[in-house]
Structures are given as C-alpha cells and as structure tokens.
PDB file of N, CA and C in Angstrom:
ATOM      1  N   MET A   1      14.203  28.895  61.398  1.00  0.00           N
ATOM      2  CA  MET A   1      15.265  29.867  61.259  1.00  0.00           C
ATOM      3  C   MET A   1      16.409  29.568  62.211  1.00  0.00           C
ATOM      4  N   ALA A   2      16.074  29.171  63.413  1.00  0.00           N
ATOM      5  CA  ALA A   2      17.117  28.882  64.382  1.00  0.00           C
ATOM      6  C   ALA A   2      17.931  27.658  63.976  1.00  0.00           C
ATOM      7  N   LYS A   3      17.385  26.812  63.095  1.00  0.00           N
ATOM      8  CA  LYS A   3      18.149  25.656  62.619  1.00  0.00           C
ATOM      9  C   LYS A   3      19.369  26.107  61.828  1.00  0.00           C
ATOM     10  N   ARG A   4      19.209  27.184  61.086  1.00  0.00           N
ATOM     11  CA  ARG A   4      20.326  27.705  60.294  1.00  0.00           C
ATOM     12  C   ARG A   4      21.359  28.382  61.190  1.00  0.00           C
ATOM     13  N   TYR A   5      20.899  28.960  62.284  1.00  0.00           N
ATOM     14  CA  TYR A   5      21.760  29.667  63.233  1.00  0.00           C
ATOM     15  C   TYR A   5      21.482  29.130  64.633  1.00  0.00           C
ATOM     16  N   PRO A   6      21.931  27.904  64.933  1.00  0.00           N
ATOM     17  CA  PRO A   6      21.559  27.263  66.201  1.00  0.00           C
ATOM     18  C   PRO A   6      21.982  28.036  67.450  1.00  0.00           C
ATOM     19  N   ASP A   7      23.051  28.815  67.362  1.00  0.00           N
ATOM     20  CA  ASP A   7      23.483  29.574  68.537  1.00  0.00           C
ATOM     21  C   ASP A   7      22.562  30.756  68.843  1.00  0.00           C
ATOM     22  N   SER A   8      21.600  31.020  67.955  1.00  0.00           N
ATOM     23  CA  SER A   8      20.662  32.123  68.184  1.00  0.00           C
ATOM     24  C   SER A   8      19.334  31.652  68.780  1.00  0.00           C
ATOM     25  N   LYS A   9      19.142  30.346  68.909  1.00  0.00           N
ATOM     26  CA  LYS A   9      17.840  29.794  69.297  1.00  0.00           C
ATOM     27  C   LYS A   9      17.297  30.364  70.605  1.00  0.00           C
ATOM     28  N   ALA A  10      18.088  30.378  71.644  1.00  0.00           N
ATOM     29  CA  ALA A  10      17.598  30.854  72.945  1.00  0.00           C
ATOM     30  C   ALA A  10      17.156  32.312  72.873  1.00  0.00           C
ATOM     31  N   GLU A  11      17.946  33.139  72.221  1.00  0.00           N
ATOM     32  CA  GLU A  11      17.576  34.552  72.146  1.00  0.00           C
ATOM     33  C   GLU A  11      16.383  34.772  71.221  1.00  0.00           C
ATOM     34  N   LEU A  12      16.298  34.023  70.129  1.00  0.00           N
ATOM     35  CA  LEU A  12      15.124  34.135  69.252  1.00  0.00           C
ATOM     36  C   LEU A  12      13.863  33.678  69.969  1.00  0.00           C
ATOM     37  N   ASP A  13      13.973  32.593  70.744  1.00  0.00           N
ATOM     38  CA  ASP A  13      12.818  32.127  71.517  1.00  0.00           C
ATOM     39  C   ASP A  13      12.359  33.193  72.510  1.00  0.00           C
ATOM     40  N   ALA A  14      13.319  33.831  73.173  1.00  0.00           N
ATOM     41  CA  ALA A  14      12.981  34.884  74.138  1.00  0.00           C
ATOM     42  C   ALA A  14      12.325  36.065  73.428  1.00  0.00           C
ATOM     43  N   TRP A  15      12.871  36.469  72.273  1.00  0.00           N
ATOM     44  CA  TRP A  15      12.273  37.569  71.518  1.00  0.00           C
ATOM     45  C   TRP A  15      10.846  37.213  71.095  1.00  0.00           C
ATOM     46  N   PHE A  16      10.663  35.992  70.589  1.00  0.00           N
ATOM     47  CA  PHE A  16       9.339  35.552  70.145  1.00  0.00           C
ATOM     48  C   PHE A  16       8.331  35.615  71.287  1.00  0.00           C
ATOM     49  N   HIS A  17       8.723  35.128  72.468  1.00  0.00           N
ATOM     50  CA  HIS A  17       7.839  35.159  73.635  1.00  0.00           C
ATOM     51  C   HIS A  17       7.470  36.609  73.986  1.00  0.00           C
ATOM     52  N   GLU A  18       8.445  37.497  73.988  1.00  0.00           N
ATOM     53  CA  GLU A  18       8.183  38.896  74.310  1.00  0.00           C
ATOM     54  C   GLU A  18       7.300  39.554  73.249  1.00  0.00           C
ATOM     55  N   ALA A  19       7.547  39.240  71.982  1.00  0.00           N
ATOM     56  CA  ALA A  19       6.752  39.825  70.905  1.00  0.00           C
ATOM     57  C   ALA A  19       5.297  39.365  70.980  1.00  0.00           C
ATOM     58  N   ARG A  20       5.088  38.116  71.350  1.00  0.00           N
ATOM     59  CA  ARG A  20       3.707  37.613  71.474  1.00  0.00           C
ATOM     60  C   ARG A  20       2.945  38.339  72.573  1.00  0.00           C
ATOM     61  N   GLN A  21       3.640  38.749  73.619  1.00  0.00           N
ATOM     62  CA  GLN A  21       3.001  39.431  74.742  1.00  0.00           C
ATOM     63  C   GLN A  21       2.909  40.947  74.541  1.00  0.00           C
ATOM     64  N   ALA A  22       3.625  41.453  73.557  1.00  0.00           N
ATOM     65  CA  ALA A  22       3.724  42.910  73.369  1.00  0.00           C
ATOM     66  C   ALA A  22       2.404  43.510  72.903  1.00  0.00           C
ATOM     67  N   ASP A  23       2.238  44.777  73.231  1.00  0.00           N
ATOM     68  CA  ASP A  23       1.083  45.557  72.788  1.00  0.00           C
ATOM     69  C   ASP A  23       1.608  46.820  72.108  1.00  0.00           C
ATOM     70  N   TRP A  24       2.372  46.611  71.034  1.00  0.00           N
ATOM     71  CA  TRP A  24       2.975  47.718  70.313  1.00  0.00           C
ATOM     72  C   TRP A  24       1.932  48.403  69.451  1.00  0.00           C
ATOM     73  N   LYS A  25       1.705  49.662  69.700  1.00  0.00           N
ATOM     74  CA  LYS A  25       0.719  50.426  68.942  1.00  0.00           C
ATOM     75  C   LYS A  25       1.369  51.295  67.861  1.00  0.00           C
ATOM     76  N   ASN A  26       2.682  51.483  67.976  1.00  0.00           N
ATOM     77  CA  ASN A  26       3.418  52.315  67.027  1.00  0.00           C
ATOM     78  C   ASN A  26       4.915  52.040  67.192  1.00  0.00           C
ATOM     79  N   PRO A  27       5.740  52.561  66.294  1.00  0.00           N
ATOM     80  CA  PRO A  27       7.183  52.314  66.394  1.00  0.00           C
ATOM     81  C   PRO A  27       7.799  52.787  67.713  1.00  0.00           C
ATOM     82  N   ALA A  28       7.282  53.854  68.278  1.00  0.00           N
ATOM     83  CA  ALA A  28       7.824  54.350  69.549  1.00  0.00           C
ATOM     84  C   ALA A  28       7.676  53.311  70.658  1.00  0.00           C
ATOM     85  N   ASP A  29       6.582  52.553  70.643  1.00  0.00           N
ATOM     86  CA  ASP A  29       6.385  51.495  71.635  1.00  0.00           C
ATOM     87  C   ASP A  29       7.444  50.406  71.499  1.00  0.00           C
ATOM     88  N   VAL A  30       7.821  50.102  70.264  1.00  0.00           N
ATOM     89  CA  VAL A  30       8.859  49.090  70.033  1.00  0.00           C
ATOM     90  C   VAL A  30      10.181  49.574  70.609  1.00  0.00           C
ATOM     91  N   VAL A  31      10.526  50.824  70.329  1.00  0.00           N
ATOM     92  CA  VAL A  31      11.794  51.372  70.805  1.00  0.00           C
ATOM     93  C   VAL A  31      11.820  51.475  72.335  1.00  0.00           C
ATOM     94  N   LYS A  32      10.662  51.696  72.946  1.00  0.00           N
ATOM     95  CA  LYS A  32      10.608  51.702  74.417  1.00  0.00           C
ATOM     96  C   LYS A  32      11.002  50.341  74.974  1.00  0.00           C
ATOM     97  N   ALA A  33      10.561  49.282  74.298  1.00  0.00           N
ATOM     98  CA  ALA A  33      10.861  47.926  74.751  1.00  0.00           C
ATOM     99  C   ALA A  33      12.254  47.464  74.320  1.00  0.00           C
ATOM    100  N   TYR A  34      12.685  47.922  73.152  1.00  0.00           N
ATOM    101  CA  TYR A  34      13.971  47.510  72.582  1.00  0.00           C
ATOM    102  C   TYR A  34      14.706  48.764  72.113  1.00  0.00           C
ATOM    103  N   ALA A  35      15.494  49.331  72.987  1.00  0.00           N
ATOM    104  CA  ALA A  35      16.184  50.589  72.677  1.00  0.00           C
ATOM    105  C   ALA A  35      17.096  50.469  71.459  1.00  0.00           C
ATOM    106  N   ASN A  36      17.596  49.267  71.190  1.00  0.00           N
ATOM    107  CA  ASN A  36      18.506  49.076  70.057  1.00  0.00           C
ATOM    108  C   ASN A  36      17.782  48.704  68.765  1.00  0.00           C
ATOM    109  N   ALA A  37      16.470  48.639  68.786  1.00  0.00           N
ATOM    110  CA  ALA A  37      15.723  48.332  67.569  1.00  0.00           C
ATOM    111  C   ALA A  37      15.846  49.506  66.604  1.00  0.00           C
ATOM    112  N   SER A  38      15.924  49.175  65.323  1.00  0.00           N
ATOM    113  CA  SER A  38      15.999  50.215  64.290  1.00  0.00           C
ATOM    114  C   SER A  38      14.673  50.250  63.541  1.00  0.00           C
ATOM    115  N   ILE A  39      14.053  51.408  63.512  1.00  0.00           N
ATOM    116  CA  ILE A  39      12.801  51.588  62.796  1.00  0.00           C
ATOM    117  C   ILE A  39      13.144  51.953  61.354  1.00  0.00           C
ATOM    118  N   VAL A  40      12.598  51.183  60.420  1.00  0.00           N
ATOM    119  CA  VAL A  40      12.873  51.404  59.001  1.00  0.00           C
ATOM    120  C   VAL A  40      11.526  51.567  58.298  1.00  0.00           C
ATOM    121  N   GLY A  41      11.148  52.774  58.042  1.00  0.00           N
ATOM    122  CA  GLY A  41       9.857  53.022  57.415  1.00  0.00           C
ATOM    123  C   GLY A  41       8.726  52.925  58.416  1.00  0.00           C
ATOM    124  N   SER A  42       7.514  52.852  57.898  1.00  0.00           N
ATOM    125  CA  SER A  42       6.340  52.880  58.770  1.00  0.00           C
ATOM    126  C   SER A  42       6.038  51.547  59.438  1.00  0.00           C
ATOM    127  N   ASP A  43       6.566  50.443  58.890  1.00  0.00           N
ATOM    128  CA  ASP A  43       6.228  49.145  59.489  1.00  0.00           C
ATOM    129  C   ASP A  43       7.429  48.236  59.742  1.00  0.00           C
ATOM    130  N   ARG A  44       8.558  48.496  59.161  1.00  0.00           N
ATOM    131  CA  ARG A  44       9.718  47.604  59.300  1.00  0.00           C
ATOM    132  C   ARG A  44      10.536  47.956  60.527  1.00  0.00           C
ATOM    133  N   VAL A  45      10.974  46.893  61.224  1.00  0.00           N
ATOM    134  CA  VAL A  45      11.820  47.049  62.400  1.00  0.00           C
ATOM    135  C   VAL A  45      12.926  46.013  62.313  1.00  0.00           C
ATOM    136  N   VAL A  46      14.134  46.423  62.693  1.00  0.00           N
ATOM    137  CA  VAL A  46      15.271  45.519  62.732  1.00  0.00           C
ATOM    138  C   VAL A  46      15.675  45.349  64.195  1.00  0.00           C
ATOM    139  N   PHE A  47      15.730  44.094  64.629  1.00  0.00           N
ATOM    140  CA  PHE A  47      16.145  43.772  65.988  1.00  0.00           C
ATOM    141  C   PHE A  47      17.532  43.144  65.955  1.00  0.00           C
ATOM    142  N   ASN A  48      18.354  43.506  66.921  1.00  0.00           N
ATOM    143  CA  ASN A  48      19.659  42.873  67.092  1.00  0.00           C
ATOM    144  C   ASN A  48      19.459  41.620  67.919  1.00  0.00           C
ATOM    145  N   ILE A  49      19.988  40.501  67.435  1.00  0.00           N
ATOM    146  CA  ILE A  49      19.843  39.220  68.115  1.00  0.00           C
ATOM    147  C   ILE A  49      21.227  38.695  68.476  1.00  0.00           C
ATOM    148  N   LYS A  50      21.341  38.176  69.664  1.00  0.00           N
ATOM    149  CA  LYS A  50      22.592  37.581  70.168  1.00  0.00           C
ATOM    150  C   LYS A  50      23.748  38.567  70.068  1.00  0.00           C
ATOM    151  N   CYS A  51      23.603  39.642  70.803  1.00  0.00           N
ATOM    152  CA  CYS A  51      24.648  40.679  70.887  1.00  0.00           C
ATOM    153  C   CYS A  51      25.040  41.218  69.519  1.00  0.00           C
ATOM    154  N   ASN A  52      24.051  41.392  68.661  1.00  0.00           N
ATOM    155  CA  ASN A  52      24.235  41.958  67.331  1.00  0.00           C
ATOM    156  C   ASN A  52      24.959  41.023  66.364  1.00  0.00           C
ATOM    157  N   ASN A  53      25.059  39.737  66.703  1.00  0.00           N
ATOM    158  CA  ASN A  53      25.619  38.772  65.749  1.00  0.00           C
ATOM    159  C   ASN A  53      24.644  38.521  64.608  1.00  0.00           C
ATOM    160  N   TYR A  54      23.360  38.664  64.900  1.00  0.00           N
ATOM    161  CA  TYR A  54      22.312  38.420  63.912  1.00  0.00           C
ATOM    162  C   TYR A  54      21.357  39.603  63.880  1.00  0.00           C
ATOM    163  N   ARG A  55      20.665  39.724  62.752  1.00  0.00           N
ATOM    164  CA  ARG A  55      19.651  40.755  62.607  1.00  0.00           C
ATOM    165  C   ARG A  55      18.344  40.075  62.235  1.00  0.00           C
ATOM    166  N   LEU A  56      17.272  40.505  62.867  1.00  0.00           N
ATOM    167  CA  LEU A  56      15.931  40.013  62.599  1.00  0.00           C
ATOM    168  C   LEU A  56      15.124  41.177  62.039  1.00  0.00           C
ATOM    169  N   VAL A  57      14.618  41.015  60.813  1.00  0.00           N
ATOM    170  CA  VAL A  57      13.819  42.053  60.166  1.00  0.00           C
ATOM    171  C   VAL A  57      12.361  41.607  60.207  1.00  0.00           C
ATOM    172  N   VAL A  58      11.510  42.461  60.737  1.00  0.00           N
ATOM    173  CA  VAL A  58      10.085  42.149  60.804  1.00  0.00           C
ATOM    174  C   VAL A  58       9.282  43.320  60.247  1.00  0.00           C
ATOM    175  N   ALA A  59       8.061  43.019  59.865  1.00  0.00           N
ATOM    176  CA  ALA A  59       7.078  44.043  59.523  1.00  0.00           C
ATOM    177  C   ALA A  59       5.967  43.920  60.557  1.00  0.00           C
ATOM    178  N   ILE A  60       5.555  45.031  61.099  1.00  0.00           N
ATOM    179  CA  ILE A  60       4.536  45.025  62.145  1.00  0.00           C
ATOM    180  C   ILE A  60       3.292  45.745  61.643  1.00  0.00           C
ATOM    181  N   HIS A  61       2.167  45.054  61.739  1.00  0.00           N
ATOM    182  CA  HIS A  61       0.872  45.685  61.459  1.00  0.00           C
ATOM    183  C   HIS A  61       0.329  46.074  62.830  1.00  0.00           C
ATOM    184  N   TYR A  62       0.542  47.314  63.195  1.00  0.00           N
ATOM    185  CA  TYR A  62       0.246  47.762  64.562  1.00  0.00           C
ATOM    186  C   TYR A  62      -1.232  47.661  64.914  1.00  0.00           C
ATOM    187  N   ARG A  63      -2.095  48.021  64.005  1.00  0.00           N
ATOM    188  CA  ARG A  63      -3.533  48.007  64.310  1.00  0.00           C
ATOM    189  C   ARG A  63      -4.023  46.589  64.590  1.00  0.00           C
ATOM    190  N   LEU A  64      -3.549  45.623  63.809  1.00  0.00           N
ATOM    191  CA  LEU A  64      -3.981  44.235  63.996  1.00  0.00           C
ATOM    192  C   LEU A  64      -3.096  43.445  64.965  1.00  0.00           C
ATOM    193  N   GLN A  65      -2.006  44.071  65.403  1.00  0.00           N
ATOM    194  CA  GLN A  65      -1.079  43.421  66.337  1.00  0.00           C
ATOM    195  C   GLN A  65      -0.493  42.130  65.746  1.00  0.00           C
ATOM    196  N   ILE A  66      -0.023  42.222  64.501  1.00  0.00           N
ATOM    197  CA  ILE A  66       0.587  41.083  63.825  1.00  0.00           C
ATOM    198  C   ILE A  66       2.022  41.442  63.471  1.00  0.00           C
ATOM    199  N   VAL A  67       2.927  40.517  63.766  1.00  0.00           N
ATOM    200  CA  VAL A  67       4.337  40.688  63.423  1.00  0.00           C
ATOM    201  C   VAL A  67       4.685  39.652  62.362  1.00  0.00           C
ATOM    202  N   PHE A  68       5.185  40.118  61.237  1.00  0.00           N
ATOM    203  CA  PHE A  68       5.591  39.250  60.141  1.00  0.00           C
ATOM    204  C   PHE A  68       7.116  39.186  60.106  1.00  0.00           C
ATOM    205  N   ILE A  69       7.669  37.999  60.235  1.00  0.00           N
ATOM    206  CA  ILE A  69       9.120  37.853  60.126  1.00  0.00           C
ATOM    207  C   ILE A  69       9.474  37.898  58.651  1.00  0.00           C
ATOM    208  N   LYS A  70      10.344  38.828  58.303  1.00  0.00           N
ATOM    209  CA  LYS A  70      10.741  39.027  56.915  1.00  0.00           C
ATOM    210  C   LYS A  70      12.098  38.423  56.598  1.00  0.00           C
ATOM    211  N   TRP A  71      13.008  38.421  57.600  1.00  0.00           N
ATOM    212  CA  TRP A  71      14.372  37.962  57.307  1.00  0.00           C
ATOM    213  C   TRP A  71      15.137  37.788  58.608  1.00  0.00           C
ATOM    214  N   LEU A  72      16.036  36.811  58.614  1.00  0.00           N
ATOM    215  CA  LEU A  72      16.986  36.609  59.710  1.00  0.00           C
ATOM    216  C   LEU A  72      18.309  36.236  59.098  1.00  0.00           C
ATOM    217  N   GLY A  73      19.354  36.858  59.563  1.00  0.00           N
ATOM    218  CA  GLY A  73      20.673  36.520  59.049  1.00  0.00           C
ATOM    219  C   GLY A  73      21.768  37.136  59.887  1.00  0.00           C
ATOM    220  N   SER A  74      22.986  36.812  59.509  1.00  0.00           N
ATOM    221  CA  SER A  74      24.135  37.352  60.223  1.00  0.00           C
ATOM    222  C   SER A  74      24.281  38.839  59.917  1.00  0.00           C
ATOM    223  N   HIS A  75      25.074  39.483  60.737  1.00  0.00           N
ATOM    224  CA  HIS A  75      25.323  40.906  60.536  1.00  0.00           C
ATOM    225  C   HIS A  75      25.946  41.133  59.154  1.00  0.00           C
ATOM    226  N   VAL A  76      26.851  40.266  58.751  1.00  0.00           N
ATOM    227  CA  VAL A  76      27.495  40.387  57.433  1.00  0.00           C
ATOM    228  C   VAL A  76      26.470  40.213  56.319  1.00  0.00           C
ATOM    229  N   GLU A  77      25.573  39.239  56.449  1.00  0.00           N
ATOM    230  CA  GLU A  77      24.524  39.029  55.443  1.00  0.00           C
ATOM    231  C   GLU A  77      23.568  40.215  55.383  1.00  0.00           C
ATOM    232  N   TYR A  78      23.301  40.795  56.529  1.00  0.00           N
ATOM    233  CA  TYR A  78      22.393  41.947  56.615  1.00  0.00           C
ATOM    234  C   TYR A  78      22.902  43.104  55.757  1.00  0.00           C
ATOM    235  N   ASP A  79      24.201  43.280  55.729  1.00  0.00           N
ATOM    236  CA  ASP A  79      24.784  44.376  54.955  1.00  0.00           C
ATOM    237  C   ASP A  79      24.550  44.219  53.458  1.00  0.00           C
ATOM    238  N   LYS A  80      24.114  43.041  53.014  1.00  0.00           N
ATOM    239  CA  LYS A  80      23.923  42.773  51.593  1.00  0.00           C
ATOM    240  C   LYS A  80      22.455  42.846  51.149  1.00  0.00           C
ATOM    241  N   ILE A  81      21.535  43.130  52.073  1.00  0.00           N
ATOM    242  CA  ILE A  81      20.112  43.135  51.724  1.00  0.00           C
ATOM    243  C   ILE A  81      19.559  44.556  51.711  1.00  0.00           C
ATOM    244  N   ASP A  82      18.399  44.711  51.091  1.00  0.00           N
ATOM    245  CA  ASP A  82      17.640  45.949  51.190  1.00  0.00           C
ATOM    246  C   ASP A  82      16.565  45.708  52.241  1.00  0.00           C
ATOM    247  N   VAL A  83      16.776  46.241  53.410  1.00  0.00           N
ATOM    248  CA  VAL A  83      15.904  45.964  54.556  1.00  0.00           C
ATOM    249  C   VAL A  83      14.456  46.389  54.302  1.00  0.00           C
ATOM    250  N   LYS A  84      14.259  47.348  53.421  1.00  0.00           N
ATOM    251  CA  LYS A  84      12.906  47.849  53.156  1.00  0.00           C
ATOM    252  C   LYS A  84      12.084  46.907  52.269  1.00  0.00           C
ATOM    253  N   THR A  85      12.765  46.009  51.541  1.00  0.00           N
ATOM    254  CA  THR A  85      12.035  45.142  50.610  1.00  0.00           C
ATOM    255  C   THR A  85      12.266  43.658  50.821  1.00  0.00           C
ATOM    256  N   VAL A  86      13.213  43.275  51.645  1.00  0.00           N
ATOM    257  CA  VAL A  86      13.535  41.862  51.817  1.00  0.00           C
ATOM    258  C   VAL A  86      12.334  41.107  52.376  1.00  0.00           C
ATOM    259  N   ASN A  87      12.186  39.860  51.923  1.00  0.00           N
ATOM    260  CA  ASN A  87      11.128  38.981  52.395  1.00  0.00           C
ATOM    261  C   ASN A  87      11.719  37.638  52.754  1.00  0.00           C
ATOM    262  N   TYR A  88      11.041  36.939  53.641  1.00  0.00           N
ATOM    263  CA  TYR A  88      11.477  35.608  54.053  1.00  0.00           C
ATOM    264  C   TYR A  88      11.708  34.733  52.823  1.00  0.00           C
ATOM    265  N   GLY A  89      12.832  34.083  52.777  1.00  0.00           N
ATOM    266  CA  GLY A  89      13.154  33.214  51.648  1.00  0.00           C
ATOM    267  C   GLY A  89      14.019  33.895  50.603  1.00  0.00           C
ATOM    268  N   ASP A  90      14.196  35.223  50.722  1.00  0.00           N
ATOM    269  CA  ASP A  90      15.054  35.934  49.766  1.00  0.00           C
ATOM    270  C   ASP A  90      16.512  35.607  50.018  1.00  0.00           C
TER     271      ASP A  90
END
C-alpha cells in the first residue's frame, strides 16, 4: 500500500507497529489511543494518516485481536467510497 503512496510509508509503519502492540477490546479503546479515529459501525474504524492526507479503513475483530486492512487512499478518494462496505482491492 505504501508503494502507491510513498510519502505515507513512515506513518503507516508507525501505525502498524502500534496496532500490533495494541490490546483493543472495543471501539472506545481505539479512540483512547487515537482520538481522531472515526468509529463506523461495530467493527470498522477509519484512521487519519499523514496529517489527514490519507485515510486507512480497517475492520477489527476485538475478541480475536485481529485487524483487517480494508482500504487505504487519499482524502479525496475516501469521499468516493462507502466506508461500511469497502474492501481491499475495491
């Protein structure tokens, strides 16, 4: 993903490292760690990447502690998707 948006690589790497270490049990835990995260439904979360230049959409299975990357794109591209249904590769 960072190949498509090379200027986002450092921040995506940092987010990935933090997400791997996280112990998010519910959406409130995510918001505690990322105040600017947007909770969309019971499992979808949108993170602002690189000062909101990019949006990262993930689905989190809280019980199993698994984060599924669903989509990454620019803020302009984000405005064209349905965040509740978008999947990687869409």
